[in-house]
Amino acid sequence: MRALFAHLRHDVRGSTVVEFAILAPVIFGMIFGVIQVGSAMQSYNAMRGIASDTARYAVIEYQKKNEVTDAALETYARGIATKAPYLLQSSFAATVTPVAASRVDGTFEKTLVVTYTPPSYMPIIPITPPQLKFTRSIFVIDE
C-alpha cells in the first residue's frame, strides 16, 4: 500500500488535465470578454456611421428644397440601422431635437442622439452591457 501511494505522489500524467480545469474558466472568460468589447466597439462605430448617414440625408434633402421633419429623420436613422452594413438589433433608438439658438448664423441646428445596447456574449455572467450613446449636430441652411 505504501508503494502505491509513493507511486501516485510522483505520477504527473494527469497534471495537465487538472491545470486546464483550473485555468479554463479564466481563459474562456477572457475570450468572451474580448468578444464583448469588440462587439461594443463595432456597435459604436455603426452608430457613428448611422449618425453621419442621417446628417448627410438631412443636408441633401434640404439642398433639394425638401424640408425633412425631425420624425422623418428619426425614422430614416432607425431604418438604416437594421440593414447592412450596420445590422443593429431592436434596442437601437434615434432622437432628433431642434436647437433653440443655432451656433452658426443662417442655419437650423438639430441634435441627433442615437442609443444602442449591444447584445451580451457572456453566457455565464448575466450582465447587461452598458447602453452606448452618440450625439451629433446637424446643420442645414436656412433659405
N, C-alpha and C. Protein backbone atom coordinates (compact mmCIF):
# COMPACT_ATOMS: atom_id res chain seq x y z
N MET A 1 0.82 -1.19 0.00
CA MET A 1 0.00 0.00 0.00
C MET A 1 0.87 1.27 0.00
N ARG A 2 1.92 1.21 0.78
CA ARG A 2 2.83 2.34 0.87
C ARG A 2 3.49 2.61 -0.49
N ALA A 3 3.83 1.59 -1.21
CA ALA A 3 4.45 1.74 -2.52
C ALA A 3 3.46 2.37 -3.52
N LEU A 4 2.17 2.02 -3.40
CA LEU A 4 1.16 2.60 -4.29
C LEU A 4 1.02 4.10 -4.07
N PHE A 5 0.99 4.54 -2.81
CA PHE A 5 0.89 5.97 -2.52
C PHE A 5 2.15 6.72 -2.97
N ALA A 6 3.28 6.13 -2.82
CA ALA A 6 4.53 6.75 -3.27
C ALA A 6 4.53 6.89 -4.79
N HIS A 7 4.01 5.86 -5.45
CA HIS A 7 3.93 5.91 -6.91
C HIS A 7 2.95 7.01 -7.37
N LEU A 8 1.79 7.13 -6.73
CA LEU A 8 0.79 8.14 -7.10
C LEU A 8 1.28 9.56 -6.80
N ARG A 9 2.07 9.71 -5.74
CA ARG A 9 2.57 11.03 -5.38
C ARG A 9 3.53 11.56 -6.45
N HIS A 10 4.25 10.72 -7.10
CA HIS A 10 5.21 11.14 -8.12
C HIS A 10 4.66 11.06 -9.54
N ASP A 11 3.44 10.60 -9.69
CA ASP A 11 2.82 10.48 -11.02
C ASP A 11 2.33 11.86 -11.48
N VAL A 12 2.76 12.33 -12.65
CA VAL A 12 2.39 13.65 -13.17
C VAL A 12 1.56 13.56 -14.46
N ARG A 13 1.09 12.38 -14.80
CA ARG A 13 0.38 12.21 -16.06
C ARG A 13 -0.94 12.98 -16.10
N GLY A 14 -1.64 13.16 -15.02
CA GLY A 14 -2.93 13.86 -15.02
C GLY A 14 -2.83 15.33 -14.67
N SER A 15 -1.62 15.84 -14.52
CA SER A 15 -1.47 17.24 -14.09
C SER A 15 -1.96 18.23 -15.14
N THR A 16 -1.85 17.90 -16.40
CA THR A 16 -2.31 18.78 -17.46
C THR A 16 -3.82 18.96 -17.40
N VAL A 17 -4.54 17.91 -17.15
CA VAL A 17 -6.00 17.98 -17.05
C VAL A 17 -6.41 18.85 -15.86
N VAL A 18 -5.72 18.68 -14.74
CA VAL A 18 -6.04 19.47 -13.55
C VAL A 18 -5.72 20.94 -13.79
N GLU A 19 -4.59 21.24 -14.40
CA GLU A 19 -4.23 22.64 -14.69
C GLU A 19 -5.23 23.26 -15.66
N PHE A 20 -5.65 22.49 -16.66
CA PHE A 20 -6.64 23.01 -17.60
C PHE A 20 -7.96 23.28 -16.89
N ALA A 21 -8.38 22.38 -16.00
CA ALA A 21 -9.63 22.57 -15.27
C ALA A 21 -9.58 23.83 -14.40
N ILE A 22 -8.42 24.16 -13.89
CA ILE A 22 -8.28 25.37 -13.07
C ILE A 22 -8.26 26.62 -13.93
N LEU A 23 -7.57 26.58 -15.07
CA LEU A 23 -7.40 27.77 -15.90
C LEU A 23 -8.48 27.97 -16.95
N ALA A 24 -9.25 26.96 -17.30
CA ALA A 24 -10.24 27.07 -18.37
C ALA A 24 -11.27 28.17 -18.13
N PRO A 25 -11.85 28.30 -16.93
CA PRO A 25 -12.82 29.39 -16.75
C PRO A 25 -12.21 30.78 -16.97
N VAL A 26 -10.98 30.96 -16.56
CA VAL A 26 -10.31 32.25 -16.76
C VAL A 26 -10.07 32.50 -18.25
N ILE A 27 -9.58 31.50 -18.95
CA ILE A 27 -9.30 31.66 -20.38
C ILE A 27 -10.58 31.93 -21.16
N PHE A 28 -11.63 31.14 -20.90
CA PHE A 28 -12.89 31.35 -21.62
C PHE A 28 -13.53 32.69 -21.25
N GLY A 29 -13.40 33.08 -19.99
CA GLY A 29 -13.91 34.40 -19.58
C GLY A 29 -13.21 35.52 -20.32
N MET A 30 -11.90 35.41 -20.49
CA MET A 30 -11.15 36.43 -21.23
C MET A 30 -11.56 36.44 -22.70
N ILE A 31 -11.74 35.26 -23.29
CA ILE A 31 -12.15 35.19 -24.70
C ILE A 31 -13.51 35.85 -24.90
N PHE A 32 -14.49 35.49 -24.05
CA PHE A 32 -15.81 36.10 -24.19
C PHE A 32 -15.78 37.59 -23.87
N GLY A 33 -14.91 38.01 -22.96
CA GLY A 33 -14.77 39.44 -22.66
C GLY A 33 -14.24 40.21 -23.86
N VAL A 34 -13.26 39.65 -24.54
CA VAL A 34 -12.72 40.31 -25.73
C VAL A 34 -13.79 40.39 -26.82
N ILE A 35 -14.57 39.33 -26.98
CA ILE A 35 -15.66 39.35 -27.96
C ILE A 35 -16.68 40.42 -27.60
N GLN A 36 -17.01 40.55 -26.31
CA GLN A 36 -17.99 41.55 -25.87
C GLN A 36 -17.48 42.97 -26.13
N VAL A 37 -16.22 43.23 -25.81
CA VAL A 37 -15.65 44.56 -26.05
C VAL A 37 -15.59 44.85 -27.55
N GLY A 38 -15.21 43.87 -28.34
CA GLY A 38 -15.17 44.05 -29.80
C GLY A 38 -16.55 44.33 -30.36
N SER A 39 -17.56 43.65 -29.85
CA SER A 39 -18.94 43.90 -30.29
C SER A 39 -19.38 45.31 -29.94
N ALA A 40 -19.01 45.78 -28.75
CA ALA A 40 -19.37 47.14 -28.34
C ALA A 40 -18.67 48.17 -29.22
N MET A 41 -17.42 47.93 -29.56
CA MET A 41 -16.69 48.86 -30.43
C MET A 41 -17.30 48.90 -31.83
N GLN A 42 -17.67 47.73 -32.35
CA GLN A 42 -18.31 47.68 -33.67
C GLN A 42 -19.65 48.40 -33.62
N SER A 43 -20.40 48.22 -32.56
CA SER A 43 -21.70 48.87 -32.43
C SER A 43 -21.54 50.38 -32.36
N TYR A 44 -20.54 50.85 -31.61
CA TYR A 44 -20.32 52.30 -31.51
C TYR A 44 -19.92 52.89 -32.87
N ASN A 45 -19.08 52.18 -33.61
CA ASN A 45 -18.71 52.65 -34.96
C ASN A 45 -19.92 52.65 -35.88
N ALA A 46 -20.80 51.65 -35.74
CA ALA A 46 -22.02 51.63 -36.54
C ALA A 46 -22.91 52.81 -36.19
N MET A 47 -23.00 53.15 -34.92
CA MET A 47 -23.80 54.30 -34.50
C MET A 47 -23.25 55.60 -35.11
N ARG A 48 -21.94 55.73 -35.12
CA ARG A 48 -21.33 56.92 -35.75
C ARG A 48 -21.66 56.97 -37.24
N GLY A 49 -21.60 55.83 -37.91
CA GLY A 49 -21.93 55.78 -39.33
C GLY A 49 -23.39 56.12 -39.59
N ILE A 50 -24.28 55.62 -38.75
CA ILE A 50 -25.71 55.91 -38.89
C ILE A 50 -25.96 57.39 -38.69
N ALA A 51 -25.31 57.99 -37.69
CA ALA A 51 -25.48 59.43 -37.45
C ALA A 51 -24.96 60.24 -38.64
N SER A 52 -23.84 59.82 -39.20
CA SER A 52 -23.29 60.53 -40.37
C SER A 52 -24.21 60.39 -41.58
N ASP A 53 -24.72 59.19 -41.82
CA ASP A 53 -25.63 58.97 -42.95
C ASP A 53 -26.92 59.77 -42.78
N THR A 54 -27.43 59.84 -41.57
CA THR A 54 -28.66 60.59 -41.32
C THR A 54 -28.42 62.08 -41.52
N ALA A 55 -27.28 62.59 -41.05
CA ALA A 55 -26.95 64.01 -41.25
C ALA A 55 -26.79 64.31 -42.74
N ARG A 56 -26.14 63.42 -43.45
CA ARG A 56 -25.96 63.60 -44.90
C ARG A 56 -27.32 63.61 -45.60
N TYR A 57 -28.21 62.71 -45.20
CA TYR A 57 -29.56 62.66 -45.77
C TYR A 57 -30.30 63.98 -45.53
N ALA A 58 -30.21 64.51 -44.31
CA ALA A 58 -30.89 65.76 -43.99
C ALA A 58 -30.36 66.91 -44.83
N VAL A 59 -29.06 67.01 -44.96
CA VAL A 59 -28.46 68.10 -45.74
C VAL A 59 -28.83 68.00 -47.21
N ILE A 60 -28.79 66.80 -47.77
CA ILE A 60 -29.13 66.63 -49.18
C ILE A 60 -30.59 66.96 -49.44
N GLU A 61 -31.47 66.53 -48.54
CA GLU A 61 -32.90 66.84 -48.72
C GLU A 61 -33.15 68.34 -48.62
N TYR A 62 -32.46 69.04 -47.73
CA TYR A 62 -32.63 70.49 -47.65
C TYR A 62 -32.07 71.17 -48.88
N GLN A 63 -30.99 70.64 -49.47
CA GLN A 63 -30.45 71.21 -50.70
C GLN A 63 -31.41 71.03 -51.86
N LYS A 64 -32.22 69.97 -51.82
CA LYS A 64 -33.23 69.74 -52.85
C LYS A 64 -34.52 70.47 -52.55
N LYS A 65 -34.48 71.35 -51.54
CA LYS A 65 -35.65 72.15 -51.12
C LYS A 65 -36.75 71.30 -50.49
N ASN A 66 -36.40 70.16 -49.97
CA ASN A 66 -37.36 69.30 -49.25
C ASN A 66 -37.07 69.44 -47.76
N GLU A 67 -38.01 70.04 -47.04
CA GLU A 67 -37.81 70.14 -45.60
C GLU A 67 -38.18 68.81 -44.96
N VAL A 68 -37.28 68.28 -44.16
CA VAL A 68 -37.47 66.98 -43.53
C VAL A 68 -37.79 67.21 -42.05
N THR A 69 -38.82 66.56 -41.58
CA THR A 69 -39.21 66.71 -40.18
C THR A 69 -38.27 65.91 -39.28
N ASP A 70 -38.30 66.25 -38.01
CA ASP A 70 -37.48 65.52 -37.05
C ASP A 70 -37.90 64.04 -36.98
N ALA A 71 -39.19 63.81 -37.04
CA ALA A 71 -39.69 62.42 -37.01
C ALA A 71 -39.22 61.65 -38.23
N ALA A 72 -39.16 62.30 -39.39
CA ALA A 72 -38.68 61.62 -40.60
C ALA A 72 -37.20 61.26 -40.48
N LEU A 73 -36.42 62.14 -39.85
CA LEU A 73 -35.00 61.83 -39.65
C LEU A 73 -34.83 60.66 -38.68
N GLU A 74 -35.65 60.63 -37.63
CA GLU A 74 -35.59 59.52 -36.68
C GLU A 74 -35.95 58.20 -37.37
N THR A 75 -36.98 58.24 -38.20
CA THR A 75 -37.40 57.05 -38.94
C THR A 75 -36.32 56.60 -39.91
N TYR A 76 -35.69 57.55 -40.57
CA TYR A 76 -34.61 57.22 -41.51
C TYR A 76 -33.46 56.55 -40.76
N ALA A 77 -33.08 57.10 -39.61
CA ALA A 77 -31.96 56.52 -38.83
C ALA A 77 -32.31 55.10 -38.38
N ARG A 78 -33.53 54.90 -37.89
CA ARG A 78 -33.93 53.55 -37.45
C ARG A 78 -33.98 52.59 -38.64
N GLY A 79 -34.39 53.10 -39.80
CA GLY A 79 -34.49 52.25 -40.99
C GLY A 79 -33.14 51.74 -41.46
N ILE A 80 -32.13 52.59 -41.44
CA ILE A 80 -30.82 52.13 -41.92
C ILE A 80 -30.05 51.36 -40.85
N ALA A 81 -30.44 51.50 -39.58
CA ALA A 81 -29.70 50.82 -38.51
C ALA A 81 -29.85 49.31 -38.58
N THR A 82 -30.99 48.83 -39.02
CA THR A 82 -31.23 47.38 -39.03
C THR A 82 -30.77 46.71 -40.32
N LYS A 83 -30.38 47.49 -41.30
CA LYS A 83 -29.95 46.93 -42.59
C LYS A 83 -28.43 46.90 -42.68
N ALA A 84 -27.93 46.19 -43.68
CA ALA A 84 -26.49 46.13 -43.92
C ALA A 84 -26.02 47.52 -44.32
N PRO A 85 -24.88 47.93 -43.93
CA PRO A 85 -23.81 47.22 -43.24
C PRO A 85 -23.88 47.29 -41.71
N TYR A 86 -24.90 47.95 -41.14
CA TYR A 86 -24.90 48.18 -39.70
C TYR A 86 -25.47 47.00 -38.90
N LEU A 87 -26.62 46.49 -39.29
CA LEU A 87 -27.22 45.30 -38.69
C LEU A 87 -27.36 45.37 -37.17
N LEU A 88 -27.80 46.52 -36.67
CA LEU A 88 -28.05 46.64 -35.24
C LEU A 88 -29.42 46.06 -34.91
N GLN A 89 -29.58 45.63 -33.67
CA GLN A 89 -30.82 44.97 -33.28
C GLN A 89 -31.85 45.98 -32.79
N SER A 90 -32.92 45.49 -32.23
CA SER A 90 -34.09 46.30 -31.89
C SER A 90 -33.86 47.31 -30.77
N SER A 91 -32.78 47.23 -30.03
CA SER A 91 -32.57 48.18 -28.94
C SER A 91 -32.03 49.53 -29.42
N PHE A 92 -31.93 49.73 -30.73
CA PHE A 92 -31.47 51.00 -31.30
C PHE A 92 -32.57 52.04 -31.20
N ALA A 93 -32.19 53.27 -30.85
CA ALA A 93 -33.14 54.38 -30.80
C ALA A 93 -32.46 55.63 -31.31
N ALA A 94 -33.23 56.47 -31.99
CA ALA A 94 -32.72 57.75 -32.50
C ALA A 94 -33.69 58.85 -32.11
N THR A 95 -33.13 59.98 -31.67
CA THR A 95 -33.94 61.13 -31.27
C THR A 95 -33.35 62.37 -31.91
N VAL A 96 -34.19 63.16 -32.57
CA VAL A 96 -33.76 64.42 -33.17
C VAL A 96 -34.49 65.55 -32.45
N THR A 97 -33.72 66.51 -31.97
CA THR A 97 -34.32 67.67 -31.30
C THR A 97 -33.76 68.94 -31.91
N PRO A 98 -34.62 69.93 -32.17
CA PRO A 98 -34.12 71.20 -32.68
C PRO A 98 -33.44 72.00 -31.57
N VAL A 99 -32.43 72.76 -31.95
CA VAL A 99 -31.73 73.62 -31.01
C VAL A 99 -32.33 75.01 -31.12
N ALA A 100 -32.63 75.63 -29.99
CA ALA A 100 -33.31 76.93 -29.98
C ALA A 100 -32.48 78.02 -30.68
N ALA A 101 -31.21 78.12 -30.33
CA ALA A 101 -30.35 79.13 -30.94
C ALA A 101 -29.19 78.42 -31.61
N SER A 102 -29.17 78.49 -32.94
CA SER A 102 -28.12 77.82 -33.70
C SER A 102 -26.78 78.50 -33.45
N ARG A 103 -25.73 77.69 -33.41
CA ARG A 103 -24.38 78.23 -33.21
C ARG A 103 -23.81 78.86 -34.47
N VAL A 104 -24.42 78.59 -35.63
CA VAL A 104 -23.95 79.13 -36.90
C VAL A 104 -25.07 79.98 -37.49
N ASP A 105 -24.76 81.24 -37.79
CA ASP A 105 -25.78 82.13 -38.35
C ASP A 105 -26.24 81.63 -39.71
N GLY A 106 -27.55 81.76 -39.96
CA GLY A 106 -28.11 81.38 -41.24
C GLY A 106 -28.38 79.88 -41.37
N THR A 107 -28.37 79.16 -40.27
CA THR A 107 -28.63 77.72 -40.33
C THR A 107 -29.65 77.31 -39.27
N PHE A 108 -30.26 76.18 -39.53
CA PHE A 108 -31.04 75.49 -38.50
C PHE A 108 -30.12 74.42 -37.92
N GLU A 109 -30.13 74.31 -36.61
CA GLU A 109 -29.32 73.27 -35.98
C GLU A 109 -30.24 72.26 -35.31
N LYS A 110 -29.93 71.00 -35.52
CA LYS A 110 -30.66 69.90 -34.88
C LYS A 110 -29.63 69.01 -34.19
N THR A 111 -30.05 68.37 -33.13
CA THR A 111 -29.17 67.43 -32.43
C THR A 111 -29.73 66.03 -32.59
N LEU A 112 -28.90 65.15 -33.12
CA LEU A 112 -29.27 63.75 -33.29
C LEU A 112 -28.58 62.93 -32.20
N VAL A 113 -29.37 62.21 -31.43
CA VAL A 113 -28.83 61.33 -30.38
C VAL A 113 -29.24 59.91 -30.71
N VAL A 114 -28.26 59.04 -30.88
CA VAL A 114 -28.54 57.63 -31.14
C VAL A 114 -28.05 56.81 -29.95
N THR A 115 -28.86 55.85 -29.53
CA THR A 115 -28.51 54.98 -28.41
C THR A 115 -28.70 53.53 -28.83
N TYR A 116 -27.90 52.66 -28.22
CA TYR A 116 -27.96 51.24 -28.56
C TYR A 116 -27.37 50.43 -27.42
N THR A 117 -27.99 49.32 -27.12
CA THR A 117 -27.46 48.37 -26.15
C THR A 117 -27.03 47.11 -26.91
N PRO A 118 -25.73 46.85 -27.00
CA PRO A 118 -25.29 45.68 -27.75
C PRO A 118 -25.70 44.39 -27.03
N PRO A 119 -25.79 43.29 -27.77
CA PRO A 119 -26.16 42.02 -27.14
C PRO A 119 -25.04 41.52 -26.23
N SER A 120 -25.40 40.69 -25.26
CA SER A 120 -24.42 40.13 -24.34
C SER A 120 -23.87 38.81 -24.90
N TYR A 121 -22.56 38.68 -24.87
CA TYR A 121 -21.91 37.45 -25.31
C TYR A 121 -21.28 36.70 -24.15
N MET A 122 -21.62 37.09 -22.94
CA MET A 122 -21.10 36.43 -21.74
C MET A 122 -22.16 35.46 -21.25
N PRO A 123 -22.13 34.20 -21.70
CA PRO A 123 -23.21 33.28 -21.39
C PRO A 123 -23.30 32.90 -19.91
N ILE A 124 -22.20 32.96 -19.21
CA ILE A 124 -22.19 32.53 -17.81
C ILE A 124 -22.61 33.66 -16.88
N ILE A 125 -22.23 34.88 -17.22
CA ILE A 125 -22.50 36.03 -16.36
C ILE A 125 -23.69 36.79 -16.91
N PRO A 126 -24.80 36.87 -16.18
CA PRO A 126 -25.99 37.56 -16.69
C PRO A 126 -25.90 39.08 -16.48
N ILE A 127 -24.96 39.72 -17.14
CA ILE A 127 -24.79 41.16 -17.03
C ILE A 127 -25.20 41.79 -18.35
N THR A 128 -26.05 42.81 -18.28
CA THR A 128 -26.45 43.54 -19.48
C THR A 128 -25.35 44.53 -19.84
N PRO A 129 -24.90 44.55 -21.08
CA PRO A 129 -23.87 45.52 -21.47
C PRO A 129 -24.40 46.95 -21.32
N PRO A 130 -23.52 47.90 -21.11
CA PRO A 130 -23.97 49.29 -20.95
C PRO A 130 -24.54 49.84 -22.25
N GLN A 131 -25.46 50.78 -22.11
CA GLN A 131 -26.07 51.42 -23.28
C GLN A 131 -25.06 52.40 -23.87
N LEU A 132 -24.87 52.32 -25.17
CA LEU A 132 -23.97 53.22 -25.88
C LEU A 132 -24.76 54.42 -26.38
N LYS A 133 -24.12 55.59 -26.39
CA LYS A 133 -24.81 56.81 -26.81
C LYS A 133 -23.85 57.63 -27.66
N PHE A 134 -24.37 58.15 -28.78
CA PHE A 134 -23.58 59.02 -29.65
C PHE A 134 -24.44 60.22 -30.03
N THR A 135 -23.87 61.41 -29.95
CA THR A 135 -24.58 62.64 -30.25
C THR A 135 -23.89 63.35 -31.40
N ARG A 136 -24.71 63.87 -32.33
CA ARG A 136 -24.16 64.60 -33.48
C ARG A 136 -25.05 65.78 -33.80
N SER A 137 -24.44 66.90 -34.12
CA SER A 137 -25.19 68.08 -34.55
C SER A 137 -25.39 68.04 -36.05
N ILE A 138 -26.56 68.49 -36.48
CA ILE A 138 -26.87 68.58 -37.91
C ILE A 138 -27.18 70.04 -38.21
N PHE A 139 -26.49 70.60 -39.17
CA PHE A 139 -26.71 71.99 -39.58
C PHE A 139 -27.26 71.99 -40.99
N VAL A 140 -28.41 72.65 -41.18
CA VAL A 140 -28.96 72.82 -42.52
C VAL A 140 -29.18 74.30 -42.75
N ILE A 141 -28.99 74.73 -44.00
CA ILE A 141 -29.05 76.15 -44.35
C ILE A 141 -30.49 76.64 -44.32
N ASP A 142 -30.65 77.79 -43.69
CA ASP A 142 -31.96 78.44 -43.60
C ASP A 142 -32.16 79.29 -44.86
N GLU A 143 -33.00 78.84 -45.77
CA GLU A 143 -33.21 79.59 -47.01
C GLU A 143 -34.58 80.19 -47.08
